[in-house]
Amino acid sequence: MNQKIMKIADGTWEWGKKTYIMGILNVTPDSFSDGGSYMNSEAAIGQAVRMTQEGADIIDVGGETTKPGAVPVTAEVEIKRVIPIIEALSREIRIPISVDTYRAETAELAIKAGAHMINDIWGLKYDPGMAAVIAAHDVPVCIMHNRTCGTDYGQDLIGEILCELEESILIAKNANIKDENIIIDPGIGFAKTWEQNIQVMRQLEAFKKLGYPVLLGTSRKTFIGKILELEVADRLEGTLATTAIGITKGVDIVRVHDVVQNLRVAKMMDSMVR
C-alpha cells in the first residue's frame, strides 16, 4: 500500500505532489445544489468544458441525486442520463472522466462510453457485480464509506468507519482490483449526523493510515449550512474552509462544484504544507 502514483486515462497522478480537483457534473433534475442545471447535453458539456478550463483535473458525472431522502432512480434512467453525456465529453475534453454510480451495469456502459474511473458511494457493497467490472476494465475506483444501519456508531466513530472501509477494500482485493487503483472517501454527509461529519473532518489524517489516496467531498453540504446557517448557494466560504483543513490533513483529491476558488485554495495550501 502507500501508493505513490496512479494511472488515470493517459495521465499519471502523483500522490503527495499536489491536491487534485474533481469537478462535479450532476446531470439530474433534483441534486441538492445544481439539480436541473445540466440536464441537457449542451449545458452539461459546456459546464464540463468550463471546469476543465478552470483547472479541474477530472470531471465526475452523476445521474442520480444522493441527497438525504432522495428517491433512487432505476438503472435505465441513470444510464439514459449519463451515457450520452460521457460519450460527448470523451470527444470534447482531454482530462479524465469519472462516473458517480454504484451500479455495475451503469459502470460497464460508462467505461465503454469513455469513462476512466468509478466513484461508488456504497463502497462496492451495493451491487455484487461492481468490483468485477472495475477489475475487468482495470480502472481506478473511489470507495466511499456509507452504511444502511444509520448513524449509531457507538463509542468509536472513526474506528467503525475505518473498519467498514476495510470491508470494502477487501471486496476490491477479492475481485483482483489492484491496490494502485483504489482511492478511499470517508463519506462526509452520508450516514453521519452533522456533528459526526465535524468529528470526521477533525480526524481526517486517520484515513491516510489505510495506505490509499483520500478523496474529500464536502462541497456545499448540509453540515456547512448547519454551522453557518446558510442555504446551499451561500456555502462557498464554508466549503473552502473544509478544503483547506483537508489538505493540512493529507487529502489528495477534493470533489467540488466551484473549481476556480477551490483550486486557488489548494494551490496556496499546497505551497505551504506540501
C-alpha atoms as a PDB file:
ATOM      1  CA  MET A   1       0.000   0.000   0.000  1.00  0.00           C
ATOM      2  CA  ASN A   2       1.022   3.650   0.405  1.00  0.00           C
ATOM      3  CA  GLN A   3       0.687   4.042  -3.350  1.00  0.00           C
ATOM      4  CA  LYS A   4       2.675   6.903  -4.848  1.00  0.00           C
ATOM      5  CA  ILE A   5       1.197   7.083  -8.359  1.00  0.00           C
ATOM      6  CA  MET A   6      -1.990   6.194 -10.184  1.00  0.00           C
ATOM      7  CA  LYS A   7      -2.587   5.854 -13.911  1.00  0.00           C
ATOM      8  CA  ILE A   8      -5.833   7.514 -14.954  1.00  0.00           C
ATOM      9  CA  ALA A   9      -6.579   7.525 -18.681  1.00  0.00           C
ATOM     10  CA  ASP A  10      -3.338   8.644 -20.375  1.00  0.00           C
ATOM     11  CA  GLY A  11      -2.017  10.528 -17.350  1.00  0.00           C
ATOM     12  CA  THR A  12      -0.156   9.800 -14.141  1.00  0.00           C
ATOM     13  CA  TRP A  13      -1.287  11.224 -10.811  1.00  0.00           C
ATOM     14  CA  GLU A  14       1.474  11.527  -8.232  1.00  0.00           C
ATOM     15  CA  TRP A  15       0.083  11.440  -4.709  1.00  0.00           C
ATOM     16  CA  GLY A  16       1.534  13.962  -2.304  1.00  0.00           C
ATOM     17  CA  LYS A  17       2.765  16.282  -5.042  1.00  0.00           C
ATOM     18  CA  LYS A  18      -0.414  18.394  -5.261  1.00  0.00           C
ATOM     19  CA  THR A  19      -4.094  18.408  -4.434  1.00  0.00           C
ATOM     20  CA  TYR A  20      -6.176  17.204  -7.377  1.00  0.00           C
ATOM     21  CA  ILE A  21      -9.507  18.852  -8.193  1.00  0.00           C
ATOM     22  CA  MET A  22     -12.563  16.770  -9.142  1.00  0.00           C
ATOM     23  CA  GLY A  23     -15.286  18.888 -10.723  1.00  0.00           C
ATOM     24  CA  ILE A  24     -18.886  17.826 -10.049  1.00  0.00           C
ATOM     25  CA  LEU A  25     -21.243  17.467 -13.009  1.00  0.00           C
ATOM     26  CA  ASN A  26     -24.736  16.402 -11.916  1.00  0.00           C
ATOM     27  CA  VAL A  27     -26.995  15.547 -14.852  1.00  0.00           C
ATOM     28  CA  THR A  28     -30.028  15.233 -12.591  1.00  0.00           C
ATOM     29  CA  PRO A  29     -33.206  17.248 -12.061  1.00  0.00           C
ATOM     30  CA  ASP A  30     -33.017  17.160  -8.259  1.00  0.00           C
ATOM     31  CA  SER A  31     -29.442  17.226  -6.923  1.00  0.00           C
ATOM     32  CA  PHE A  32     -29.257  19.319  -3.759  1.00  0.00           C
ATOM     33  CA  SER A  33     -27.061  22.062  -5.224  1.00  0.00           C
ATOM     34  CA  ASP A  34     -27.305  22.218  -9.013  1.00  0.00           C
ATOM     35  CA  GLY A  35     -30.206  19.911  -9.825  1.00  0.00           C
ATOM     36  CA  GLY A  36     -31.688  20.621 -13.240  1.00  0.00           C
ATOM     37  CA  SER A  37     -28.904  22.958 -14.350  1.00  0.00           C
ATOM     38  CA  TYR A  38     -27.148  20.495 -16.655  1.00  0.00           C
ATOM     39  CA  MET A  39     -29.852  18.069 -17.757  1.00  0.00           C
ATOM     40  CA  ASN A  40     -29.437  18.743 -21.472  1.00  0.00           C
ATOM     41  CA  SER A  41     -26.314  17.744 -23.344  1.00  0.00           C
ATOM     42  CA  GLU A  42     -25.306  21.248 -24.405  1.00  0.00           C
ATOM     43  CA  ALA A  43     -25.438  22.640 -20.856  1.00  0.00           C
ATOM     44  CA  ALA A  44     -23.616  19.643 -19.392  1.00  0.00           C
ATOM     45  CA  ILE A  45     -20.821  19.741 -21.951  1.00  0.00           C
ATOM     46  CA  GLY A  46     -20.489  23.489 -21.521  1.00  0.00           C
ATOM     47  CA  GLN A  47     -20.116  23.140 -17.770  1.00  0.00           C
ATOM     48  CA  ALA A  48     -17.551  20.340 -18.110  1.00  0.00           C
ATOM     49  CA  VAL A  49     -15.519  22.366 -20.617  1.00  0.00           C
ATOM     50  CA  ARG A  50     -15.702  25.371 -18.291  1.00  0.00           C
ATOM     51  CA  MET A  51     -14.476  23.351 -15.304  1.00  0.00           C
ATOM     52  CA  THR A  52     -11.668  21.927 -17.440  1.00  0.00           C
ATOM     53  CA  GLN A  53     -10.594  25.423 -18.460  1.00  0.00           C
ATOM     54  CA  GLU A  54     -10.752  26.499 -14.818  1.00  0.00           C
ATOM     55  CA  GLY A  55      -8.224  23.833 -13.873  1.00  0.00           C
ATOM     56  CA  ALA A  56     -10.169  20.705 -12.891  1.00  0.00           C
ATOM     57  CA  ASP A  57      -8.136  17.506 -13.079  1.00  0.00           C
ATOM     58  CA  ILE A  58     -11.118  15.173 -13.540  1.00  0.00           C
ATOM     59  CA  ILE A  59     -14.870  15.522 -14.128  1.00  0.00           C
ATOM     60  CA  ASP A  60     -17.283  13.378 -12.064  1.00  0.00           C
ATOM     61  CA  VAL A  61     -20.584  12.729 -13.871  1.00  0.00           C
ATOM     62  CA  GLY A  62     -23.581  11.654 -11.802  1.00  0.00           C
ATOM     63  CA  GLY A  63     -27.063  10.680 -12.913  1.00  0.00           C
ATOM     64  CA  GLU A  64     -28.771  10.144  -9.554  1.00  0.00           C
ATOM     65  CA  THR A  65     -29.048  12.510  -6.637  1.00  0.00           C
ATOM     66  CA  THR A  66     -27.863  11.023  -3.357  1.00  0.00           C
ATOM     67  CA  LYS A  67     -29.089  13.789  -1.073  1.00  0.00           C
ATOM     68  CA  PRO A  68     -30.827  12.639   2.128  1.00  0.00           C
ATOM     69  CA  GLY A  69     -34.360  11.443   1.432  1.00  0.00           C
ATOM     70  CA  ALA A  70     -33.922  11.233  -2.324  1.00  0.00           C
ATOM     71  CA  VAL A  71     -35.829   8.510  -4.162  1.00  0.00           C
ATOM     72  CA  PRO A  72     -33.448   6.234  -6.103  1.00  0.00           C
ATOM     73  CA  VAL A  73     -33.868   6.117  -9.858  1.00  0.00           C
ATOM     74  CA  THR A  74     -33.763   2.954 -11.942  1.00  0.00           C
ATOM     75  CA  ALA A  75     -30.621   1.838 -13.719  1.00  0.00           C
ATOM     76  CA  GLU A  76     -32.374   2.591 -17.003  1.00  0.00           C
ATOM     77  CA  VAL A  77     -32.968   6.215 -16.025  1.00  0.00           C
ATOM     78  CA  GLU A  78     -29.412   6.636 -14.751  1.00  0.00           C
ATOM     79  CA  ILE A  79     -27.963   5.137 -17.934  1.00  0.00           C
ATOM     80  CA  LYS A  80     -30.142   7.340 -20.127  1.00  0.00           C
ATOM     81  CA  ARG A  81     -28.862  10.412 -18.291  1.00  0.00           C
ATOM     82  CA  VAL A  82     -25.135   9.725 -18.072  1.00  0.00           C
ATOM     83  CA  ILE A  83     -24.066   7.633 -21.073  1.00  0.00           C
ATOM     84  CA  PRO A  84     -24.784  10.217 -23.806  1.00  0.00           C
ATOM     85  CA  ILE A  85     -23.029  12.883 -21.716  1.00  0.00           C
ATOM     86  CA  ILE A  86     -19.955  10.701 -21.167  1.00  0.00           C
ATOM     87  CA  GLU A  87     -19.806   9.842 -24.871  1.00  0.00           C
ATOM     88  CA  ALA A  88     -19.942  13.535 -25.756  1.00  0.00           C
ATOM     89  CA  LEU A  89     -17.426  14.548 -23.090  1.00  0.00           C
ATOM     90  CA  SER A  90     -14.931  11.935 -24.252  1.00  0.00           C
ATOM     91  CA  ARG A  91     -14.806  13.844 -27.541  1.00  0.00           C
ATOM     92  CA  GLU A  92     -14.758  17.326 -26.024  1.00  0.00           C
ATOM     93  CA  ILE A  93     -12.379  17.292 -23.053  1.00  0.00           C
ATOM     94  CA  ARG A  94      -8.877  15.954 -22.537  1.00  0.00           C
ATOM     95  CA  ILE A  95      -8.993  15.253 -18.818  1.00  0.00           C
ATOM     96  CA  PRO A  96     -10.259  12.013 -17.239  1.00  0.00           C
ATOM     97  CA  ILE A  97     -13.960  11.358 -16.714  1.00  0.00           C
ATOM     98  CA  SER A  98     -15.308   9.677 -13.596  1.00  0.00           C
ATOM     99  CA  VAL A  99     -18.826   8.273 -13.261  1.00  0.00           C
ATOM    100  CA  ASP A 100     -20.624   8.532  -9.937  1.00  0.00           C
ATOM    101  CA  THR A 101     -22.556   5.260  -9.774  1.00  0.00           C
ATOM    102  CA  TYR A 102     -22.999   2.223  -7.549  1.00  0.00           C
ATOM    103  CA  ARG A 103     -24.464   0.012 -10.298  1.00  0.00           C
ATOM    104  CA  ALA A 104     -22.321  -2.440 -12.261  1.00  0.00           C
ATOM    105  CA  GLU A 105     -24.454  -2.092 -15.378  1.00  0.00           C
ATOM    106  CA  THR A 106     -24.038   1.684 -15.457  1.00  0.00           C
ATOM    107  CA  ALA A 107     -20.321   1.388 -14.722  1.00  0.00           C
ATOM    108  CA  GLU A 108     -19.776  -1.087 -17.552  1.00  0.00           C
ATOM    109  CA  LEU A 109     -21.560   1.090 -20.106  1.00  0.00           C
ATOM    110  CA  ALA A 110     -19.908   4.254 -18.823  1.00  0.00           C
ATOM    111  CA  ILE A 111     -16.410   2.798 -19.200  1.00  0.00           C
ATOM    112  CA  LYS A 112     -17.247   1.671 -22.730  1.00  0.00           C
ATOM    113  CA  ALA A 113     -18.570   5.185 -23.434  1.00  0.00           C
ATOM    114  CA  GLY A 114     -15.298   6.777 -22.329  1.00  0.00           C
ATOM    115  CA  ALA A 115     -15.248   6.990 -18.526  1.00  0.00           C
ATOM    116  CA  HIS A 116     -11.887   6.350 -16.851  1.00  0.00           C
ATOM    117  CA  MET A 117     -12.859   5.928 -13.201  1.00  0.00           C
ATOM    118  CA  ILE A 118     -15.741   4.739 -10.998  1.00  0.00           C
ATOM    119  CA  ASN A 119     -16.901   6.677  -7.940  1.00  0.00           C
ATOM    120  CA  ASP A 120     -19.018   4.306  -5.818  1.00  0.00           C
ATOM    121  CA  ILE A 121     -20.869   5.889  -2.885  1.00  0.00           C
ATOM    122  CA  TRP A 122     -21.657   2.434  -1.474  1.00  0.00           C
ATOM    123  CA  GLY A 123     -18.055   1.249  -1.409  1.00  0.00           C
ATOM    124  CA  LEU A 124     -18.663  -1.789  -3.671  1.00  0.00           C
ATOM    125  CA  LYS A 125     -21.279  -3.120  -1.224  1.00  0.00           C
ATOM    126  CA  TYR A 126     -24.487  -2.321  -3.122  1.00  0.00           C
ATOM    127  CA  ASP A 127     -24.008  -4.224  -6.372  1.00  0.00           C
ATOM    128  CA  PRO A 128     -22.111  -7.519  -6.103  1.00  0.00           C
ATOM    129  CA  GLY A 129     -21.073  -7.204  -9.729  1.00  0.00           C
ATOM    130  CA  MET A 130     -19.423  -3.796  -9.417  1.00  0.00           C
ATOM    131  CA  ALA A 131     -15.979  -4.901  -8.254  1.00  0.00           C
ATOM    132  CA  ALA A 132     -15.690  -7.430 -11.082  1.00  0.00           C
ATOM    133  CA  VAL A 133     -16.469  -4.749 -13.692  1.00  0.00           C
ATOM    134  CA  ILE A 134     -13.801  -2.444 -12.272  1.00  0.00           C
ATOM    135  CA  ALA A 135     -11.227  -5.224 -12.152  1.00  0.00           C
ATOM    136  CA  ALA A 136     -12.014  -6.390 -15.682  1.00  0.00           C
ATOM    137  CA  HIS A 137     -11.502  -2.910 -17.114  1.00  0.00           C
ATOM    138  CA  ASP A 138      -8.524  -2.115 -14.855  1.00  0.00           C
ATOM    139  CA  VAL A 139      -9.796   1.362 -13.931  1.00  0.00           C
ATOM    140  CA  PRO A 140      -9.448   3.270 -10.657  1.00  0.00           C
ATOM    141  CA  VAL A 141     -12.294   3.264  -8.154  1.00  0.00           C
ATOM    142  CA  CYS A 142     -13.139   5.625  -5.338  1.00  0.00           C
ATOM    143  CA  ILE A 143     -14.529   3.561  -2.461  1.00  0.00           C
ATOM    144  CA  MET A 144     -16.705   5.726  -0.238  1.00  0.00           C
ATOM    145  CA  HIS A 145     -17.894   4.949   3.269  1.00  0.00           C
ATOM    146  CA  ASN A 146     -21.629   4.549   3.586  1.00  0.00           C
ATOM    147  CA  ARG A 147     -23.964   2.277   5.517  1.00  0.00           C
ATOM    148  CA  THR A 148     -27.630   1.338   5.706  1.00  0.00           C
ATOM    149  CA  CYS A 149     -27.796   0.935   9.504  1.00  0.00           C
ATOM    150  CA  GLY A 150     -27.993   4.591  10.477  1.00  0.00           C
ATOM    151  CA  THR A 151     -25.755   6.870  12.500  1.00  0.00           C
ATOM    152  CA  ASP A 152     -25.305   4.884  15.718  1.00  0.00           C
ATOM    153  CA  TYR A 153     -21.568   4.205  15.783  1.00  0.00           C
ATOM    154  CA  GLY A 154     -21.130   3.501  19.464  1.00  0.00           C
ATOM    155  CA  GLN A 155     -18.047   4.890  21.191  1.00  0.00           C
ATOM    156  CA  ASP A 156     -15.572   4.857  18.287  1.00  0.00           C
ATOM    157  CA  LEU A 157     -16.896   6.666  15.230  1.00  0.00           C
ATOM    158  CA  ILE A 158     -13.604   6.803  13.325  1.00  0.00           C
ATOM    159  CA  GLY A 159     -12.688   3.219  14.215  1.00  0.00           C
ATOM    160  CA  GLU A 160     -16.003   1.906  12.910  1.00  0.00           C
ATOM    161  CA  ILE A 161     -15.777   3.911   9.698  1.00  0.00           C
ATOM    162  CA  LEU A 162     -12.250   2.608   9.115  1.00  0.00           C
ATOM    163  CA  CYS A 163     -13.396  -0.953   9.783  1.00  0.00           C
ATOM    164  CA  GLU A 164     -16.245  -0.615   7.292  1.00  0.00           C
ATOM    165  CA  LEU A 165     -13.913   0.886   4.688  1.00  0.00           C
ATOM    166  CA  GLU A 166     -11.578  -2.070   5.212  1.00  0.00           C
ATOM    167  CA  GLU A 167     -14.514  -4.355   4.397  1.00  0.00           C
ATOM    168  CA  SER A 168     -14.909  -2.524   1.082  1.00  0.00           C
ATOM    169  CA  ILE A 169     -11.175  -2.724   0.398  1.00  0.00           C
ATOM    170  CA  LEU A 170     -11.352  -6.481   0.982  1.00  0.00           C
ATOM    171  CA  ILE A 171     -14.154  -6.744  -1.585  1.00  0.00           C
ATOM    172  CA  ALA A 172     -11.900  -4.922  -4.034  1.00  0.00           C
ATOM    173  CA  LYS A 173      -8.928  -7.165  -3.327  1.00  0.00           C
ATOM    174  CA  ASN A 174     -11.001 -10.343  -3.611  1.00  0.00           C
ATOM    175  CA  ALA A 175     -12.132  -9.170  -7.050  1.00  0.00           C
ATOM    176  CA  ASN A 176      -8.493  -8.543  -8.056  1.00  0.00           C
ATOM    177  CA  ILE A 177      -8.770  -4.770  -8.184  1.00  0.00           C
ATOM    178  CA  LYS A 178      -5.205  -3.526  -7.983  1.00  0.00           C
ATOM    179  CA  ASP A 179      -4.040  -1.655  -4.891  1.00  0.00           C
ATOM    180  CA  GLU A 180      -2.847   1.197  -7.085  1.00  0.00           C
ATOM    181  CA  ASN A 181      -6.405   1.597  -8.455  1.00  0.00           C
ATOM    182  CA  ILE A 182      -8.017   2.228  -5.054  1.00  0.00           C
ATOM    183  CA  ILE A 183      -8.984   5.635  -3.624  1.00  0.00           C
ATOM    184  CA  ILE A 184     -10.955   5.979  -0.382  1.00  0.00           C
ATOM    185  CA  ASP A 185     -13.503   8.566   0.720  1.00  0.00           C
ATOM    186  CA  PRO A 186     -14.647   8.921   4.361  1.00  0.00           C
ATOM    187  CA  GLY A 187     -18.160   9.773   3.141  1.00  0.00           C
ATOM    188  CA  ILE A 188     -18.867  13.214   4.560  1.00  0.00           C
ATOM    189  CA  GLY A 189     -22.643  13.708   4.589  1.00  0.00           C
ATOM    190  CA  PHE A 190     -23.506  10.023   4.247  1.00  0.00           C
ATOM    191  CA  ALA A 191     -24.892   8.049   7.208  1.00  0.00           C
ATOM    192  CA  LYS A 192     -23.495  10.653   9.602  1.00  0.00           C
ATOM    193  CA  THR A 193     -25.004  13.437  11.669  1.00  0.00           C
ATOM    194  CA  TRP A 194     -23.595  16.921  11.177  1.00  0.00           C
ATOM    195  CA  GLU A 195     -21.713  16.564  14.455  1.00  0.00           C
ATOM    196  CA  GLN A 196     -20.222  13.274  13.247  1.00  0.00           C
ATOM    197  CA  ASN A 197     -19.190  14.970   9.991  1.00  0.00           C
ATOM    198  CA  ILE A 198     -17.261  17.519  12.045  1.00  0.00           C
ATOM    199  CA  GLN A 199     -15.572  14.736  14.011  1.00  0.00           C
ATOM    200  CA  VAL A 200     -14.522  13.042  10.765  1.00  0.00           C
ATOM    201  CA  MET A 201     -13.134  16.342   9.486  1.00  0.00           C
ATOM    202  CA  ARG A 202     -11.139  16.750  12.696  1.00  0.00           C
ATOM    203  CA  GLN A 203      -9.605  13.296  12.267  1.00  0.00           C
ATOM    204  CA  LEU A 204      -9.136  13.029   8.506  1.00  0.00           C
ATOM    205  CA  GLU A 205      -5.497  12.077   8.962  1.00  0.00           C
ATOM    206  CA  ALA A 206      -6.688   8.736  10.369  1.00  0.00           C
ATOM    207  CA  PHE A 207      -7.851   7.705   6.910  1.00  0.00           C
ATOM    208  CA  LYS A 208      -4.355   8.064   5.487  1.00  0.00           C
ATOM    209  CA  LYS A 209      -3.332   5.147   7.711  1.00  0.00           C
ATOM    210  CA  LEU A 210      -5.180   2.783   5.372  1.00  0.00           C
ATOM    211  CA  GLY A 211      -2.432   3.462   2.844  1.00  0.00           C
ATOM    212  CA  TYR A 212      -4.542   4.775  -0.041  1.00  0.00           C
ATOM    213  CA  PRO A 213      -5.110   8.239  -1.514  1.00  0.00           C
ATOM    214  CA  VAL A 214      -8.044  10.028   0.102  1.00  0.00           C
ATOM    215  CA  LEU A 215     -10.827  11.929  -1.650  1.00  0.00           C
ATOM    216  CA  LEU A 216     -12.773  14.547   0.311  1.00  0.00           C
ATOM    217  CA  GLY A 217     -16.277  15.510  -0.789  1.00  0.00           C
ATOM    218  CA  THR A 218     -17.703  18.356   1.277  1.00  0.00           C
ATOM    219  CA  SER A 219     -18.792  20.875  -1.338  1.00  0.00           C
ATOM    220  CA  ARG A 220     -21.836  22.904  -0.224  1.00  0.00           C
ATOM    221  CA  LYS A 221     -23.024  20.082   2.042  1.00  0.00           C
ATOM    222  CA  THR A 222     -25.611  20.274   4.792  1.00  0.00           C
ATOM    223  CA  PHE A 223     -23.208  20.290   7.729  1.00  0.00           C
ATOM    224  CA  ILE A 224     -21.710  23.517   6.360  1.00  0.00           C
ATOM    225  CA  GLY A 225     -25.170  25.046   6.117  1.00  0.00           C
ATOM    226  CA  LYS A 226     -25.979  23.860   9.629  1.00  0.00           C
ATOM    227  CA  ILE A 227     -22.927  25.551  11.126  1.00  0.00           C
ATOM    228  CA  LEU A 228     -23.110  28.775   9.117  1.00  0.00           C
ATOM    229  CA  GLU A 229     -26.923  28.882   8.943  1.00  0.00           C
ATOM    230  CA  LEU A 230     -26.751  29.375   5.197  1.00  0.00           C
ATOM    231  CA  GLU A 231     -28.548  27.962   2.185  1.00  0.00           C
ATOM    232  CA  VAL A 232     -26.754  25.919  -0.474  1.00  0.00           C
ATOM    233  CA  ALA A 233     -25.895  28.851  -2.738  1.00  0.00           C
ATOM    234  CA  ASP A 234     -24.066  30.659   0.080  1.00  0.00           C
ATOM    235  CA  ARG A 235     -21.782  27.856   1.283  1.00  0.00           C
ATOM    236  CA  LEU A 236     -18.673  28.626  -0.788  1.00  0.00           C
ATOM    237  CA  GLU A 237     -16.553  30.009   2.059  1.00  0.00           C
ATOM    238  CA  GLY A 238     -17.523  27.106   4.290  1.00  0.00           C
ATOM    239  CA  THR A 239     -16.521  24.686   1.560  1.00  0.00           C
ATOM    240  CA  LEU A 240     -13.177  26.430   1.101  1.00  0.00           C
ATOM    241  CA  ALA A 241     -12.506  26.071   4.829  1.00  0.00           C
ATOM    242  CA  THR A 242     -13.041  22.314   4.569  1.00  0.00           C
ATOM    243  CA  THR A 243     -10.768  22.128   1.534  1.00  0.00           C
ATOM    244  CA  ALA A 244      -8.012  23.943   3.416  1.00  0.00           C
ATOM    245  CA  ILE A 245      -8.223  21.815   6.559  1.00  0.00           C
ATOM    246  CA  GLY A 246      -8.467  18.666   4.458  1.00  0.00           C
ATOM    247  CA  ILE A 247      -5.206  19.480   2.701  1.00  0.00           C
ATOM    248  CA  THR A 248      -3.443  20.031   6.026  1.00  0.00           C
ATOM    249  CA  LYS A 249      -4.580  16.521   6.992  1.00  0.00           C
ATOM    250  CA  GLY A 250      -3.305  14.888   3.819  1.00  0.00           C
ATOM    251  CA  VAL A 251      -6.282  14.530   1.468  1.00  0.00           C
ATOM    252  CA  ASP A 252      -5.289  14.031  -2.156  1.00  0.00           C
ATOM    253  CA  ILE A 253      -8.449  14.955  -4.102  1.00  0.00           C
ATOM    254  CA  VAL A 254     -11.255  17.402  -3.361  1.00  0.00           C
ATOM    255  CA  ARG A 255     -14.604  16.935  -5.110  1.00  0.00           C
ATOM    256  CA  VAL A 256     -16.151  20.368  -5.650  1.00  0.00           C
ATOM    257  CA  HIS A 257     -18.721  22.442  -7.503  1.00  0.00           C
ATOM    258  CA  ASP A 258     -16.626  25.640  -7.525  1.00  0.00           C
ATOM    259  CA  VAL A 259     -13.389  24.778  -9.305  1.00  0.00           C
ATOM    260  CA  VAL A 260     -11.669  28.168  -9.526  1.00  0.00           C
ATOM    261  CA  GLN A 261     -11.975  29.063  -5.854  1.00  0.00           C
ATOM    262  CA  ASN A 262     -11.075  25.615  -4.550  1.00  0.00           C
ATOM    263  CA  LEU A 263      -8.105  25.398  -6.902  1.00  0.00           C
ATOM    264  CA  ARG A 264      -6.779  28.714  -5.584  1.00  0.00           C
ATOM    265  CA  VAL A 265      -7.077  27.487  -2.013  1.00  0.00           C
ATOM    266  CA  ALA A 266      -5.442  24.180  -2.956  1.00  0.00           C
ATOM    267  CA  LYS A 267      -2.503  25.874  -4.670  1.00  0.00           C
ATOM    268  CA  MET A 268      -1.944  28.150  -1.705  1.00  0.00           C
ATOM    269  CA  MET A 269      -2.241  25.340   0.821  1.00  0.00           C
ATOM    270  CA  ASP A 270      -0.031  23.039  -1.252  1.00  0.00           C
ATOM    271  CA  SER A 271       2.688  25.659  -1.328  1.00  0.00           C
ATOM    272  CA  MET A 272       2.702  25.742   2.477  1.00  0.00           C
ATOM    273  CA  VAL A 273       2.030  22.155   3.580  1.00  0.00           C
ATOM    274  CA  ARG A 274       3.466  20.008   0.797  1.00  0.00           C
END
